[in-house]
Amino acid sequence: MFKTLDTQAIGAELNQRFAEFPDFFDQDAVVIDLSAAVDEGVNLCDIDWPTWLEMLKAFNMIALAVRGVPESWKTELATHNLVWMASPASLNNQAASQQTSSSTDKSSGAASDAVLSVPALAPAAMVVSKPLRSGQRVYAKGGDLVVMAMVNAGAEVIADGHIHVYAPLRGRAIAGARGDTSARVFALTFEPELVSIAGIYQSIDEGLPAGVHGAAAYVSLQVQEGQERLIYQAISR
């Protein structure tokens, strides 16, 4: 999600998140979400679409659509081969309206087919059973990563979802790699060099909170009043 319309700021954020991982994306399709950056007074001309698309392409991302912007932008987006998408809030309102309409039909005796909502299956977690040495990197794309052995200093574990290490974690752990702010990093022995949740990084140079270092613990991302920070907690036994 882009939180600013400033091209230089976006470029800096992309470099901060992905410069160390040039092979992180592999011509992956992405949706540009501007819901946190766009307000009613924004001017369409404020956005340098060609530069934005080139920046994403430099990181092997192919932009296909944009959401969080007015539907009136649809024509301009089309000139850049981008599709306008309704915001999640709009979709929820539409679904609620359809549900209300369906309920009304049923109460009036009109025939109506039952709709069964089946949740999508989550991708299977990647399981690593061998220790990871310095210089090794494992990435669980689209799901969780479960490591059954030690992650040594200098090794790196990355997941789009949660990371579970059932052994000492002494390397770098990057969860929610594609922006999932609910992702967490768990370890039976929590001693990481660096942790990251949804692009919020923290190098463990000054030590961890008391009761967390060397203990069974986890880290999560707290978003409060626009501020993001990592929270460390011991796991009660």
C-alpha atoms as a PDB file:
ATOM      1  CA  MET A   1       0.000   0.000   0.000  1.00  0.00           C
ATOM      2  CA  PHE A   2       1.378   3.423  -0.997  1.00  0.00           C
ATOM      3  CA  LYS A   3       0.945   5.982   1.807  1.00  0.00           C
ATOM      4  CA  THR A   4       2.252   8.899  -0.225  1.00  0.00           C
ATOM      5  CA  LEU A   5       1.973  10.209  -3.775  1.00  0.00           C
ATOM      6  CA  ASP A   6       5.548  11.506  -3.763  1.00  0.00           C
ATOM      7  CA  THR A   7       7.509   9.590  -6.393  1.00  0.00           C
ATOM      8  CA  GLN A   8      10.872   9.965  -4.654  1.00  0.00           C
ATOM      9  CA  ALA A   9       9.438   8.788  -1.339  1.00  0.00           C
ATOM     10  CA  ILE A  10       7.931   5.716  -3.004  1.00  0.00           C
ATOM     11  CA  GLY A  11      11.226   4.928  -4.705  1.00  0.00           C
ATOM     12  CA  ALA A  12      13.051   5.238  -1.386  1.00  0.00           C
ATOM     13  CA  GLU A  13      10.573   2.899   0.318  1.00  0.00           C
ATOM     14  CA  LEU A  14      10.889   0.291  -2.436  1.00  0.00           C
ATOM     15  CA  ASN A  15      14.661   0.409  -2.128  1.00  0.00           C
ATOM     16  CA  GLN A  16      14.496   0.126   1.649  1.00  0.00           C
ATOM     17  CA  ARG A  17      12.274  -2.930   1.475  1.00  0.00           C
ATOM     18  CA  PHE A  18      13.593  -4.834  -1.515  1.00  0.00           C
ATOM     19  CA  ALA A  19      17.060  -3.621  -2.564  1.00  0.00           C
ATOM     20  CA  GLU A  20      18.639  -6.471  -0.596  1.00  0.00           C
ATOM     21  CA  PHE A  21      16.347  -9.014  -2.263  1.00  0.00           C
ATOM     22  CA  PRO A  22      16.663  -8.532  -6.044  1.00  0.00           C
ATOM     23  CA  ASP A  23      15.029 -11.917  -6.730  1.00  0.00           C
ATOM     24  CA  PHE A  24      12.173 -11.427  -4.268  1.00  0.00           C
ATOM     25  CA  PHE A  25       9.596 -10.902  -7.038  1.00  0.00           C
ATOM     26  CA  ASP A  26       9.430 -12.860 -10.281  1.00  0.00           C
ATOM     27  CA  GLN A  27       7.292 -10.844 -12.703  1.00  0.00           C
ATOM     28  CA  ASP A  28       4.509 -10.934 -10.102  1.00  0.00           C
ATOM     29  CA  ALA A  29       1.261  -9.090 -10.814  1.00  0.00           C
ATOM     30  CA  VAL A  30       0.465  -6.386  -8.253  1.00  0.00           C
ATOM     31  CA  VAL A  31      -2.367  -4.003  -7.405  1.00  0.00           C
ATOM     32  CA  ILE A  32      -1.414  -0.441  -6.434  1.00  0.00           C
ATOM     33  CA  ASP A  33      -3.455   0.458  -3.356  1.00  0.00           C
ATOM     34  CA  LEU A  34      -3.737   4.235  -2.842  1.00  0.00           C
ATOM     35  CA  SER A  35      -6.534   4.189  -0.275  1.00  0.00           C
ATOM     36  CA  ALA A  36      -4.160   5.473   2.453  1.00  0.00           C
ATOM     37  CA  ALA A  37      -2.760   8.262   0.298  1.00  0.00           C
ATOM     38  CA  VAL A  38      -5.594   9.642  -1.796  1.00  0.00           C
ATOM     39  CA  ASP A  39      -8.171  12.135  -0.518  1.00  0.00           C
ATOM     40  CA  GLU A  40     -10.935  14.066  -2.237  1.00  0.00           C
ATOM     41  CA  GLY A  41      -8.698  17.012  -3.009  1.00  0.00           C
ATOM     42  CA  VAL A  42      -5.929  15.112  -4.781  1.00  0.00           C
ATOM     43  CA  ASN A  43      -5.152  16.015  -8.374  1.00  0.00           C
ATOM     44  CA  LEU A  44      -4.760  13.200 -10.857  1.00  0.00           C
ATOM     45  CA  CYS A  45      -1.822  15.064 -12.375  1.00  0.00           C
ATOM     46  CA  ASP A  46       0.087  14.683  -9.099  1.00  0.00           C
ATOM     47  CA  ILE A  47       0.888  11.074 -10.010  1.00  0.00           C
ATOM     48  CA  ASP A  48       3.767  10.220 -12.326  1.00  0.00           C
ATOM     49  CA  TRP A  49       2.362   6.921 -13.559  1.00  0.00           C
ATOM     50  CA  PRO A  50       5.149   6.080 -16.073  1.00  0.00           C
ATOM     51  CA  THR A  51       7.832   6.491 -13.405  1.00  0.00           C
ATOM     52  CA  TRP A  52       5.830   4.493 -10.861  1.00  0.00           C
ATOM     53  CA  LEU A  53       5.399   1.622 -13.295  1.00  0.00           C
ATOM     54  CA  GLU A  54       9.090   1.656 -14.178  1.00  0.00           C
ATOM     55  CA  MET A  55      10.062   1.585 -10.492  1.00  0.00           C
ATOM     56  CA  LEU A  56       7.883  -1.447  -9.892  1.00  0.00           C
ATOM     57  CA  LYS A  57       9.206  -3.106 -13.035  1.00  0.00           C
ATOM     58  CA  ALA A  58      12.761  -2.606 -11.761  1.00  0.00           C
ATOM     59  CA  PHE A  59      11.838  -4.897  -8.859  1.00  0.00           C
ATOM     60  CA  ASN A  60      10.205  -7.457 -11.183  1.00  0.00           C
ATOM     61  CA  MET A  61       6.648  -6.364 -10.352  1.00  0.00           C
ATOM     62  CA  ILE A  62       4.013  -5.853 -13.036  1.00  0.00           C
ATOM     63  CA  ALA A  63       1.271  -3.385 -12.052  1.00  0.00           C
ATOM     64  CA  LEU A  64      -2.136  -4.452 -13.360  1.00  0.00           C
ATOM     65  CA  ALA A  65      -4.662  -2.430 -11.381  1.00  0.00           C
ATOM     66  CA  VAL A  66      -5.200   0.478  -8.977  1.00  0.00           C
ATOM     67  CA  ARG A  67      -7.661   0.708  -6.100  1.00  0.00           C
ATOM     68  CA  GLY A  68      -8.531   3.305  -3.496  1.00  0.00           C
ATOM     69  CA  VAL A  69      -9.032   6.052  -6.104  1.00  0.00           C
ATOM     70  CA  PRO A  70     -12.205   7.644  -7.553  1.00  0.00           C
ATOM     71  CA  GLU A  71     -13.914   5.793 -10.380  1.00  0.00           C
ATOM     72  CA  SER A  72     -13.544   8.970 -12.448  1.00  0.00           C
ATOM     73  CA  TRP A  73      -9.852   8.060 -12.797  1.00  0.00           C
ATOM     74  CA  LYS A  74     -10.743   4.967 -14.816  1.00  0.00           C
ATOM     75  CA  THR A  75     -10.105   6.542 -18.229  1.00  0.00           C
ATOM     76  CA  GLU A  76      -6.700   7.931 -17.250  1.00  0.00           C
ATOM     77  CA  LEU A  77      -5.669   4.589 -15.723  1.00  0.00           C
ATOM     78  CA  ALA A  78      -6.596   2.818 -18.946  1.00  0.00           C
ATOM     79  CA  THR A  79      -4.113   4.964 -20.887  1.00  0.00           C
ATOM     80  CA  HIS A  80      -1.400   3.360 -18.727  1.00  0.00           C
ATOM     81  CA  ASN A  81      -2.821  -0.161 -19.185  1.00  0.00           C
ATOM     82  CA  LEU A  82      -4.097  -0.146 -15.611  1.00  0.00           C
ATOM     83  CA  VAL A  83      -7.497  -1.334 -14.437  1.00  0.00           C
ATOM     84  CA  TRP A  84      -9.577   0.588 -11.879  1.00  0.00           C
ATOM     85  CA  MET A  85     -10.664  -1.539  -8.906  1.00  0.00           C
ATOM     86  CA  ALA A  86     -13.316  -0.734  -6.335  1.00  0.00           C
ATOM     87  CA  SER A  87     -12.031  -0.293  -2.790  1.00  0.00           C
ATOM     88  CA  PRO A  88     -12.699  -3.064  -0.241  1.00  0.00           C
ATOM     89  CA  ALA A  89     -15.165  -0.759   1.546  1.00  0.00           C
ATOM     90  CA  SER A  90     -17.164  -0.327  -1.655  1.00  0.00           C
ATOM     91  CA  LEU A  91     -17.243  -4.075  -2.194  1.00  0.00           C
ATOM     92  CA  ASN A  92     -18.414  -4.639   1.380  1.00  0.00           C
ATOM     93  CA  ASN A  93     -21.197  -2.077   0.954  1.00  0.00           C
ATOM     94  CA  GLN A  94     -22.246  -3.721  -2.282  1.00  0.00           C
ATOM     95  CA  ALA A  95     -22.277  -7.155  -0.642  1.00  0.00           C
ATOM     96  CA  ALA A  96     -24.329  -5.822   2.272  1.00  0.00           C
ATOM     97  CA  SER A  97     -26.800  -4.246  -0.150  1.00  0.00           C
ATOM     98  CA  GLN A  98     -27.145  -7.514  -2.054  1.00  0.00           C
ATOM     99  CA  GLN A  99     -27.651  -9.416   1.197  1.00  0.00           C
ATOM    100  CA  THR A 100     -30.397  -6.990   2.297  1.00  0.00           C
ATOM    101  CA  SER A 101     -32.075  -7.314  -1.086  1.00  0.00           C
ATOM    102  CA  SER A 102     -31.918 -11.104  -0.864  1.00  0.00           C
ATOM    103  CA  SER A 103     -33.459 -11.063   2.623  1.00  0.00           C
ATOM    104  CA  THR A 104     -36.303  -8.861   1.384  1.00  0.00           C
ATOM    105  CA  ASP A 105     -37.036 -11.251  -1.469  1.00  0.00           C
ATOM    106  CA  LYS A 106     -37.181 -14.194   0.903  1.00  0.00           C
ATOM    107  CA  SER A 107     -39.481 -12.417   3.346  1.00  0.00           C
ATOM    108  CA  SER A 108     -41.897 -11.585   0.528  1.00  0.00           C
ATOM    109  CA  GLY A 109     -42.082 -15.201  -0.509  1.00  0.00           C
ATOM    110  CA  ALA A 110     -40.084 -14.834  -3.708  1.00  0.00           C
ATOM    111  CA  ALA A 111     -38.087 -17.889  -4.738  1.00  0.00           C
ATOM    112  CA  SER A 112     -34.400 -17.555  -3.967  1.00  0.00           C
ATOM    113  CA  ASP A 113     -31.450 -19.928  -4.332  1.00  0.00           C
ATOM    114  CA  ALA A 114     -29.331 -20.535  -1.245  1.00  0.00           C
ATOM    115  CA  VAL A 115     -25.775 -19.242  -1.534  1.00  0.00           C
ATOM    116  CA  LEU A 116     -23.022 -21.234   0.145  1.00  0.00           C
ATOM    117  CA  SER A 117     -19.914 -19.247   0.949  1.00  0.00           C
ATOM    118  CA  VAL A 118     -16.819 -21.433   0.949  1.00  0.00           C
ATOM    119  CA  PRO A 119     -13.635 -19.868   2.366  1.00  0.00           C
ATOM    120  CA  ALA A 120     -10.575 -20.059   0.166  1.00  0.00           C
ATOM    121  CA  LEU A 121      -7.990 -22.571   1.264  1.00  0.00           C
ATOM    122  CA  ALA A 122      -4.800 -21.038   2.619  1.00  0.00           C
ATOM    123  CA  PRO A 123      -1.564 -22.123   0.945  1.00  0.00           C
ATOM    124  CA  ALA A 124       0.234 -24.958   2.692  1.00  0.00           C
ATOM    125  CA  ALA A 125       3.091 -23.861   4.919  1.00  0.00           C
ATOM    126  CA  MET A 126       6.668 -24.510   3.833  1.00  0.00           C
ATOM    127  CA  VAL A 127       8.485 -26.782   6.306  1.00  0.00           C
ATOM    128  CA  VAL A 128      12.274 -26.786   6.648  1.00  0.00           C
ATOM    129  CA  SER A 129      13.729 -29.569   8.768  1.00  0.00           C
ATOM    130  CA  LYS A 130      17.463 -28.904   8.438  1.00  0.00           C
ATOM    131  CA  PRO A 131      19.554 -26.203  10.150  1.00  0.00           C
ATOM    132  CA  LEU A 132      20.173 -23.058   8.100  1.00  0.00           C
ATOM    133  CA  ARG A 133      23.780 -21.940   7.909  1.00  0.00           C
ATOM    134  CA  SER A 134      25.135 -18.416   7.476  1.00  0.00           C
ATOM    135  CA  GLY A 135      24.430 -17.163   3.953  1.00  0.00           C
ATOM    136  CA  GLN A 136      21.446 -19.453   3.368  1.00  0.00           C
ATOM    137  CA  ARG A 137      18.038 -17.942   2.621  1.00  0.00           C
ATOM    138  CA  VAL A 138      14.595 -19.563   2.580  1.00  0.00           C
ATOM    139  CA  TYR A 139      11.465 -17.828   1.308  1.00  0.00           C
ATOM    140  CA  ALA A 140       7.910 -19.154   1.780  1.00  0.00           C
ATOM    141  CA  LYS A 141       5.997 -17.392  -0.966  1.00  0.00           C
ATOM    142  CA  GLY A 142       2.300 -16.931  -0.317  1.00  0.00           C
ATOM    143  CA  GLY A 143       2.193 -18.653   3.064  1.00  0.00           C
ATOM    144  CA  ASP A 144       3.811 -19.477   6.395  1.00  0.00           C
ATOM    145  CA  LEU A 145       7.293 -20.821   7.019  1.00  0.00           C
ATOM    146  CA  VAL A 146       7.949 -23.509   9.641  1.00  0.00           C
ATOM    147  CA  VAL A 147      11.581 -24.219  10.565  1.00  0.00           C
ATOM    148  CA  MET A 148      12.236 -27.295  12.702  1.00  0.00           C
ATOM    149  CA  ALA A 149      15.951 -26.634  13.247  1.00  0.00           C
ATOM    150  CA  MET A 150      18.301 -23.799  14.158  1.00  0.00           C
ATOM    151  CA  VAL A 151      18.497 -20.632  12.070  1.00  0.00           C
ATOM    152  CA  ASN A 152      22.134 -19.659  12.545  1.00  0.00           C
ATOM    153  CA  ALA A 153      23.508 -16.118  12.550  1.00  0.00           C
ATOM    154  CA  GLY A 154      23.859 -14.879   8.973  1.00  0.00           C
ATOM    155  CA  ALA A 155      20.978 -17.040   7.691  1.00  0.00           C
ATOM    156  CA  GLU A 156      17.701 -15.509   6.553  1.00  0.00           C
ATOM    157  CA  VAL A 157      14.115 -16.765   6.724  1.00  0.00           C
ATOM    158  CA  ILE A 158      11.366 -14.931   4.799  1.00  0.00           C
ATOM    159  CA  ALA A 159       7.634 -15.587   4.557  1.00  0.00           C
ATOM    160  CA  ASP A 160       4.576 -13.805   3.222  1.00  0.00           C
ATOM    161  CA  GLY A 161       2.766 -15.093   6.321  1.00  0.00           C
ATOM    162  CA  HIS A 162       3.998 -16.116   9.767  1.00  0.00           C
ATOM    163  CA  ILE A 163       7.399 -17.571  10.634  1.00  0.00           C
ATOM    164  CA  HIS A 164       7.620 -20.367  13.219  1.00  0.00           C
ATOM    165  CA  VAL A 165      11.057 -21.512  14.379  1.00  0.00           C
ATOM    166  CA  TYR A 166      10.936 -24.512  16.709  1.00  0.00           C
ATOM    167  CA  ALA A 167      14.583 -24.051  17.626  1.00  0.00           C
ATOM    168  CA  PRO A 168      16.981 -21.128  18.228  1.00  0.00           C
ATOM    169  CA  LEU A 169      16.455 -18.185  15.873  1.00  0.00           C
ATOM    170  CA  ARG A 170      19.770 -16.357  15.533  1.00  0.00           C
ATOM    171  CA  GLY A 171      19.612 -15.053  11.977  1.00  0.00           C
ATOM    172  CA  ARG A 172      17.267 -12.633  10.218  1.00  0.00           C
ATOM    173  CA  ALA A 173      13.492 -13.190  10.112  1.00  0.00           C
ATOM    174  CA  ILE A 174      11.193 -11.307   7.724  1.00  0.00           C
ATOM    175  CA  ALA A 175       7.466 -12.072   8.061  1.00  0.00           C
ATOM    176  CA  GLY A 176       4.560 -10.481   6.199  1.00  0.00           C
ATOM    177  CA  ALA A 177       7.007  -9.838   3.374  1.00  0.00           C
ATOM    178  CA  ARG A 178       4.265  -8.624   1.030  1.00  0.00           C
ATOM    179  CA  GLY A 179       2.625  -6.325   3.505  1.00  0.00           C
ATOM    180  CA  ASP A 180       0.623  -8.594   5.835  1.00  0.00           C
ATOM    181  CA  THR A 181       0.597  -6.529   9.035  1.00  0.00           C
ATOM    182  CA  SER A 182      -0.941  -9.408  11.019  1.00  0.00           C
ATOM    183  CA  ALA A 183       2.071 -11.668  10.447  1.00  0.00           C
ATOM    184  CA  ARG A 184       4.288 -12.673  13.376  1.00  0.00           C
ATOM    185  CA  VAL A 185       7.648 -14.311  14.048  1.00  0.00           C
ATOM    186  CA  PHE A 186       7.701 -17.055  16.685  1.00  0.00           C
ATOM    187  CA  ALA A 187      10.754 -18.872  18.058  1.00  0.00           C
ATOM    188  CA  LEU A 188      11.454 -21.265  20.908  1.00  0.00           C
ATOM    189  CA  THR A 189      14.749 -19.461  21.509  1.00  0.00           C
ATOM    190  CA  PHE A 190      14.396 -15.856  20.407  1.00  0.00           C
ATOM    191  CA  GLU A 191      17.838 -14.401  19.576  1.00  0.00           C
ATOM    192  CA  PRO A 192      17.493 -12.835  16.097  1.00  0.00           C
ATOM    193  CA  GLU A 193      19.921 -10.440  14.417  1.00  0.00           C
ATOM    194  CA  LEU A 194      17.064  -8.627  12.679  1.00  0.00           C
ATOM    195  CA  VAL A 195      13.285  -8.944  12.486  1.00  0.00           C
ATOM    196  CA  SER A 196      10.751  -7.416  10.113  1.00  0.00           C
ATOM    197  CA  ILE A 197       6.962  -7.400   9.886  1.00  0.00           C
ATOM    198  CA  ALA A 198       5.347  -5.990   6.733  1.00  0.00           C
ATOM    199  CA  GLY A 199       8.426  -3.935   5.886  1.00  0.00           C
ATOM    200  CA  ILE A 200       8.985  -2.508   9.401  1.00  0.00           C
ATOM    201  CA  TYR A 201      12.542  -3.537  10.272  1.00  0.00           C
ATOM    202  CA  GLN A 202      14.482  -3.567  13.491  1.00  0.00           C
ATOM    203  CA  SER A 203      18.070  -4.630  13.893  1.00  0.00           C
ATOM    204  CA  ILE A 204      18.654  -6.205  17.289  1.00  0.00           C
ATOM    205  CA  ASP A 205      21.787  -4.242  18.181  1.00  0.00           C
ATOM    206  CA  GLU A 206      20.825  -2.980  21.604  1.00  0.00           C
ATOM    207  CA  GLY A 207      19.292  -6.153  22.952  1.00  0.00           C
ATOM    208  CA  LEU A 208      15.742  -7.342  23.420  1.00  0.00           C
ATOM    209  CA  PRO A 209      13.297  -6.575  26.224  1.00  0.00           C
ATOM    210  CA  ALA A 210      13.841  -8.423  29.483  1.00  0.00           C
ATOM    211  CA  GLY A 211      12.312 -11.884  29.446  1.00  0.00           C
ATOM    212  CA  VAL A 212      12.394 -12.153  25.645  1.00  0.00           C
ATOM    213  CA  HIS A 213      16.042 -12.725  24.670  1.00  0.00           C
ATOM    214  CA  GLY A 214      16.785 -16.443  24.652  1.00  0.00           C
ATOM    215  CA  ALA A 215      13.226 -17.300  25.663  1.00  0.00           C
ATOM    216  CA  ALA A 216      10.244 -18.675  23.764  1.00  0.00           C
ATOM    217  CA  ALA A 217       8.857 -15.458  22.319  1.00  0.00           C
ATOM    218  CA  TYR A 218       7.336 -13.729  19.318  1.00  0.00           C
ATOM    219  CA  VAL A 219       7.235 -10.334  17.629  1.00  0.00           C
ATOM    220  CA  SER A 220       4.203  -8.625  16.101  1.00  0.00           C
ATOM    221  CA  LEU A 221       3.457  -5.266  14.482  1.00  0.00           C
ATOM    222  CA  GLN A 222       1.373  -2.696  16.318  1.00  0.00           C
ATOM    223  CA  VAL A 223      -0.287   0.049  14.268  1.00  0.00           C
ATOM    224  CA  GLN A 224      -1.759   2.806  16.424  1.00  0.00           C
ATOM    225  CA  GLU A 225      -2.672   6.360  15.409  1.00  0.00           C
ATOM    226  CA  GLY A 226      -0.639   6.057  12.230  1.00  0.00           C
ATOM    227  CA  GLN A 227       2.457   4.877  14.109  1.00  0.00           C
ATOM    228  CA  GLU A 228       3.972   1.451  13.481  1.00  0.00           C
ATOM    229  CA  ARG A 229       6.236  -0.359  15.927  1.00  0.00           C
ATOM    230  CA  LEU A 230       7.339  -3.889  16.677  1.00  0.00           C
ATOM    231  CA  ILE A 231       6.134  -5.467  19.914  1.00  0.00           C
ATOM    232  CA  TYR A 232       8.049  -8.329  21.572  1.00  0.00           C
ATOM    233  CA  GLN A 233       6.381 -10.740  23.970  1.00  0.00           C
ATOM    234  CA  ALA A 234       7.408 -13.911  25.756  1.00  0.00           C
ATOM    235  CA  ILE A 235       5.272 -17.002  25.166  1.00  0.00           C
ATOM    236  CA  SER A 236       3.793 -18.262  28.435  1.00  0.00           C
ATOM    237  CA  ARG A 237       4.422 -21.892  29.213  1.00  0.00           C
END
